Amino acid sequence: MSSGHIERKMLRAWNTPGLASIGAFLGIAMATIHQVHHVILDNLPEQSAVVHIFGELFAATAFGAVVLAGISEVRNRLVRLVG
């Protein structure tokens, strides 16, 4: 720092598969909370409740994984551009 230049920190890449796993688990948690809310309010569809529950569980899991993996990938590409 004596020369007046600010040193750049070495930025490590984020673990995209790991973040996708975390996103999937967050999706599972959110879908479970949502389904518990339906059960508490007695608001489940009478026909095909199993399809409704597992459909939303699958969608939330996939969505959480894709969102966090996408955020990680965009961040890693930006770090490579800047660094």
N, C-alpha and C. Protein backbone atom coordinates (compact mmCIF):
# COMPACT_ATOMS: atom_id res chain seq x y z
N MET A 1 0.82 -1.18 0.00
CA MET A 1 0.00 0.00 0.00
C MET A 1 0.87 1.25 0.00
N SER A 2 2.14 1.06 0.16
CA SER A 2 3.04 2.21 0.21
C SER A 2 3.13 2.93 -1.13
N SER A 3 2.86 2.22 -2.23
CA SER A 3 2.94 2.86 -3.54
C SER A 3 1.65 3.57 -3.92
N GLY A 4 0.64 3.51 -3.08
CA GLY A 4 -0.61 4.21 -3.37
C GLY A 4 -1.62 3.36 -4.13
N HIS A 5 -1.28 2.15 -4.46
CA HIS A 5 -2.21 1.28 -5.17
C HIS A 5 -2.98 0.40 -4.18
N ILE A 6 -4.23 0.21 -4.50
CA ILE A 6 -5.05 -0.67 -3.67
C ILE A 6 -4.89 -2.08 -4.20
N GLU A 7 -4.55 -3.00 -3.31
CA GLU A 7 -4.37 -4.38 -3.72
C GLU A 7 -5.72 -5.04 -3.93
N ARG A 8 -5.81 -5.82 -4.98
CA ARG A 8 -7.04 -6.56 -5.24
C ARG A 8 -7.00 -7.88 -4.49
N LYS A 9 -8.11 -8.22 -3.88
CA LYS A 9 -8.21 -9.50 -3.22
C LYS A 9 -8.46 -10.56 -4.28
N MET A 10 -7.90 -11.71 -4.06
CA MET A 10 -8.17 -12.82 -4.97
C MET A 10 -9.56 -13.36 -4.66
N LEU A 11 -10.46 -13.27 -5.61
CA LEU A 11 -11.81 -13.76 -5.41
C LEU A 11 -11.91 -15.20 -5.90
N ARG A 12 -12.40 -16.05 -5.03
CA ARG A 12 -12.56 -17.45 -5.40
C ARG A 12 -13.92 -17.65 -6.05
N ALA A 13 -13.98 -18.63 -6.93
CA ALA A 13 -15.25 -18.96 -7.57
C ALA A 13 -16.18 -19.61 -6.57
N TRP A 14 -17.47 -19.32 -6.71
CA TRP A 14 -18.46 -19.96 -5.87
C TRP A 14 -18.69 -21.38 -6.36
N ASN A 15 -19.04 -22.25 -5.47
CA ASN A 15 -19.30 -23.65 -5.77
C ASN A 15 -20.72 -23.78 -6.32
N THR A 16 -20.86 -23.80 -7.64
CA THR A 16 -22.17 -23.82 -8.27
C THR A 16 -22.98 -25.07 -7.93
N PRO A 17 -22.42 -26.28 -8.01
CA PRO A 17 -23.23 -27.45 -7.62
C PRO A 17 -23.65 -27.42 -6.15
N GLY A 18 -22.78 -26.92 -5.30
CA GLY A 18 -23.12 -26.82 -3.88
C GLY A 18 -24.26 -25.84 -3.65
N LEU A 19 -24.21 -24.71 -4.34
CA LEU A 19 -25.29 -23.74 -4.20
C LEU A 19 -26.59 -24.25 -4.81
N ALA A 20 -26.48 -25.05 -5.87
CA ALA A 20 -27.69 -25.66 -6.45
C ALA A 20 -28.33 -26.60 -5.43
N SER A 21 -27.51 -27.33 -4.69
CA SER A 21 -28.04 -28.22 -3.65
C SER A 21 -28.72 -27.42 -2.54
N ILE A 22 -28.09 -26.34 -2.13
CA ILE A 22 -28.70 -25.49 -1.11
C ILE A 22 -30.02 -24.92 -1.61
N GLY A 23 -30.05 -24.50 -2.88
CA GLY A 23 -31.29 -23.98 -3.46
C GLY A 23 -32.38 -25.04 -3.51
N ALA A 24 -32.00 -26.27 -3.82
CA ALA A 24 -32.98 -27.36 -3.83
C ALA A 24 -33.54 -27.59 -2.44
N PHE A 25 -32.69 -27.59 -1.43
CA PHE A 25 -33.17 -27.78 -0.06
C PHE A 25 -34.04 -26.61 0.39
N LEU A 26 -33.70 -25.40 -0.01
CA LEU A 26 -34.55 -24.26 0.31
C LEU A 26 -35.91 -24.38 -0.38
N GLY A 27 -35.90 -24.86 -1.61
CA GLY A 27 -37.16 -25.09 -2.33
C GLY A 27 -38.01 -26.14 -1.63
N ILE A 28 -37.38 -27.20 -1.17
CA ILE A 28 -38.11 -28.24 -0.43
C ILE A 28 -38.71 -27.65 0.84
N ALA A 29 -37.94 -26.85 1.55
CA ALA A 29 -38.43 -26.25 2.79
C ALA A 29 -39.61 -25.32 2.52
N MET A 30 -39.50 -24.49 1.49
CA MET A 30 -40.58 -23.56 1.18
C MET A 30 -41.84 -24.31 0.74
N ALA A 31 -41.69 -25.35 -0.07
CA ALA A 31 -42.84 -26.13 -0.51
C ALA A 31 -43.48 -26.86 0.66
N THR A 32 -42.69 -27.35 1.58
CA THR A 32 -43.23 -28.03 2.75
C THR A 32 -44.01 -27.06 3.63
N ILE A 33 -43.46 -25.89 3.85
CA ILE A 33 -44.17 -24.87 4.63
C ILE A 33 -45.48 -24.49 3.94
N HIS A 34 -45.44 -24.36 2.63
CA HIS A 34 -46.64 -24.03 1.86
C HIS A 34 -47.70 -25.12 2.00
N GLN A 35 -47.28 -26.38 1.93
CA GLN A 35 -48.25 -27.48 2.05
C GLN A 35 -48.79 -27.59 3.47
N VAL A 36 -47.98 -27.34 4.48
CA VAL A 36 -48.46 -27.33 5.86
C VAL A 36 -49.50 -26.23 6.03
N HIS A 37 -49.26 -25.10 5.39
CA HIS A 37 -50.23 -24.00 5.43
C HIS A 37 -51.55 -24.44 4.82
N HIS A 38 -51.49 -25.15 3.68
CA HIS A 38 -52.71 -25.68 3.07
C HIS A 38 -53.44 -26.63 4.02
N VAL A 39 -52.70 -27.50 4.69
CA VAL A 39 -53.31 -28.47 5.59
C VAL A 39 -53.95 -27.78 6.78
N ILE A 40 -53.27 -26.78 7.34
CA ILE A 40 -53.82 -26.05 8.48
C ILE A 40 -55.14 -25.37 8.11
N LEU A 41 -55.19 -24.79 6.92
CA LEU A 41 -56.41 -24.11 6.48
C LEU A 41 -57.43 -25.07 5.87
N ASP A 42 -57.09 -26.36 5.81
CA ASP A 42 -57.94 -27.37 5.17
C ASP A 42 -58.31 -26.94 3.75
N ASN A 43 -57.27 -26.60 2.99
CA ASN A 43 -57.46 -26.03 1.67
C ASN A 43 -56.78 -26.88 0.58
N LEU A 44 -56.64 -28.17 0.83
CA LEU A 44 -56.07 -29.05 -0.20
C LEU A 44 -57.14 -29.44 -1.20
N PRO A 45 -56.78 -29.60 -2.46
CA PRO A 45 -57.77 -30.05 -3.44
C PRO A 45 -58.21 -31.47 -3.12
N GLU A 46 -59.50 -31.74 -3.25
CA GLU A 46 -60.02 -33.06 -2.90
C GLU A 46 -59.57 -34.11 -3.91
N GLN A 47 -59.50 -33.74 -5.17
CA GLN A 47 -59.05 -34.68 -6.19
C GLN A 47 -57.56 -34.46 -6.42
N SER A 48 -56.86 -35.54 -6.51
CA SER A 48 -55.43 -35.55 -6.81
C SER A 48 -54.59 -34.69 -5.86
N ALA A 49 -54.81 -34.82 -4.57
CA ALA A 49 -54.03 -34.07 -3.60
C ALA A 49 -52.56 -34.48 -3.64
N VAL A 50 -52.31 -35.76 -3.87
CA VAL A 50 -50.93 -36.24 -3.93
C VAL A 50 -50.20 -35.61 -5.12
N VAL A 51 -50.88 -35.54 -6.25
CA VAL A 51 -50.27 -34.93 -7.44
C VAL A 51 -50.02 -33.45 -7.18
N HIS A 52 -50.94 -32.79 -6.51
CA HIS A 52 -50.78 -31.37 -6.19
C HIS A 52 -49.57 -31.16 -5.28
N ILE A 53 -49.47 -31.96 -4.23
CA ILE A 53 -48.39 -31.80 -3.26
C ILE A 53 -47.03 -32.08 -3.90
N PHE A 54 -46.92 -33.23 -4.57
CA PHE A 54 -45.62 -33.59 -5.13
C PHE A 54 -45.26 -32.75 -6.36
N GLY A 55 -46.26 -32.27 -7.07
CA GLY A 55 -45.99 -31.37 -8.19
C GLY A 55 -45.38 -30.06 -7.72
N GLU A 56 -45.98 -29.49 -6.68
CA GLU A 56 -45.43 -28.24 -6.14
C GLU A 56 -44.07 -28.47 -5.48
N LEU A 57 -43.90 -29.62 -4.84
CA LEU A 57 -42.61 -29.95 -4.23
C LEU A 57 -41.52 -30.06 -5.29
N PHE A 58 -41.82 -30.75 -6.38
CA PHE A 58 -40.85 -30.89 -7.46
C PHE A 58 -40.53 -29.53 -8.10
N ALA A 59 -41.56 -28.74 -8.36
CA ALA A 59 -41.35 -27.43 -8.99
C ALA A 59 -40.52 -26.51 -8.11
N ALA A 60 -40.82 -26.48 -6.82
CA ALA A 60 -40.07 -25.61 -5.91
C ALA A 60 -38.63 -26.07 -5.77
N THR A 61 -38.41 -27.37 -5.75
CA THR A 61 -37.05 -27.91 -5.66
C THR A 61 -36.23 -27.53 -6.89
N ALA A 62 -36.82 -27.75 -8.05
CA ALA A 62 -36.12 -27.41 -9.30
C ALA A 62 -35.88 -25.91 -9.41
N PHE A 63 -36.87 -25.12 -9.05
CA PHE A 63 -36.74 -23.67 -9.14
C PHE A 63 -35.64 -23.16 -8.21
N GLY A 64 -35.60 -23.63 -6.97
CA GLY A 64 -34.57 -23.21 -6.03
C GLY A 64 -33.18 -23.57 -6.51
N ALA A 65 -33.03 -24.77 -7.06
CA ALA A 65 -31.72 -25.21 -7.55
C ALA A 65 -31.28 -24.37 -8.74
N VAL A 66 -32.19 -24.12 -9.67
CA VAL A 66 -31.84 -23.36 -10.87
C VAL A 66 -31.51 -21.91 -10.53
N VAL A 67 -32.27 -21.32 -9.62
CA VAL A 67 -32.03 -19.91 -9.27
C VAL A 67 -30.66 -19.73 -8.61
N LEU A 68 -30.35 -20.53 -7.60
CA LEU A 68 -29.06 -20.35 -6.93
C LEU A 68 -27.89 -20.76 -7.82
N ALA A 69 -28.06 -21.78 -8.65
CA ALA A 69 -26.99 -22.14 -9.59
C ALA A 69 -26.79 -21.02 -10.61
N GLY A 70 -27.86 -20.42 -11.06
CA GLY A 70 -27.76 -19.31 -12.01
C GLY A 70 -27.07 -18.10 -11.41
N ILE A 71 -27.44 -17.76 -10.19
CA ILE A 71 -26.79 -16.64 -9.50
C ILE A 71 -25.29 -16.92 -9.34
N SER A 72 -24.94 -18.13 -8.97
CA SER A 72 -23.54 -18.50 -8.80
C SER A 72 -22.79 -18.40 -10.12
N GLU A 73 -23.39 -18.89 -11.17
CA GLU A 73 -22.71 -18.88 -12.48
C GLU A 73 -22.51 -17.45 -12.98
N VAL A 74 -23.51 -16.60 -12.83
CA VAL A 74 -23.37 -15.20 -13.25
C VAL A 74 -22.29 -14.52 -12.43
N ARG A 75 -22.27 -14.74 -11.13
CA ARG A 75 -21.25 -14.14 -10.27
C ARG A 75 -19.85 -14.61 -10.66
N ASN A 76 -19.71 -15.92 -10.93
CA ASN A 76 -18.39 -16.44 -11.31
C ASN A 76 -17.92 -15.85 -12.64
N ARG A 77 -18.82 -15.68 -13.59
CA ARG A 77 -18.43 -15.08 -14.87
C ARG A 77 -18.03 -13.62 -14.71
N LEU A 78 -18.75 -12.88 -13.86
CA LEU A 78 -18.39 -11.50 -13.62
C LEU A 78 -17.02 -11.38 -12.95
N VAL A 79 -16.73 -12.28 -12.03
CA VAL A 79 -15.43 -12.27 -11.35
C VAL A 79 -14.32 -12.55 -12.36
N ARG A 80 -14.56 -13.48 -13.28
CA ARG A 80 -13.55 -13.78 -14.32
C ARG A 80 -13.34 -12.59 -15.24
N LEU A 81 -14.40 -11.85 -15.55
CA LEU A 81 -14.26 -10.67 -16.41
C LEU A 81 -13.46 -9.57 -15.74
N VAL A 82 -13.76 -9.33 -14.48
CA VAL A 82 -13.11 -8.23 -13.75
C VAL A 82 -11.68 -8.60 -13.40
N GLY A 83 -11.49 -9.85 -12.97
CA GLY A 83 -10.18 -10.27 -12.49
C GLY A 83 -9.32 -10.67 -13.60
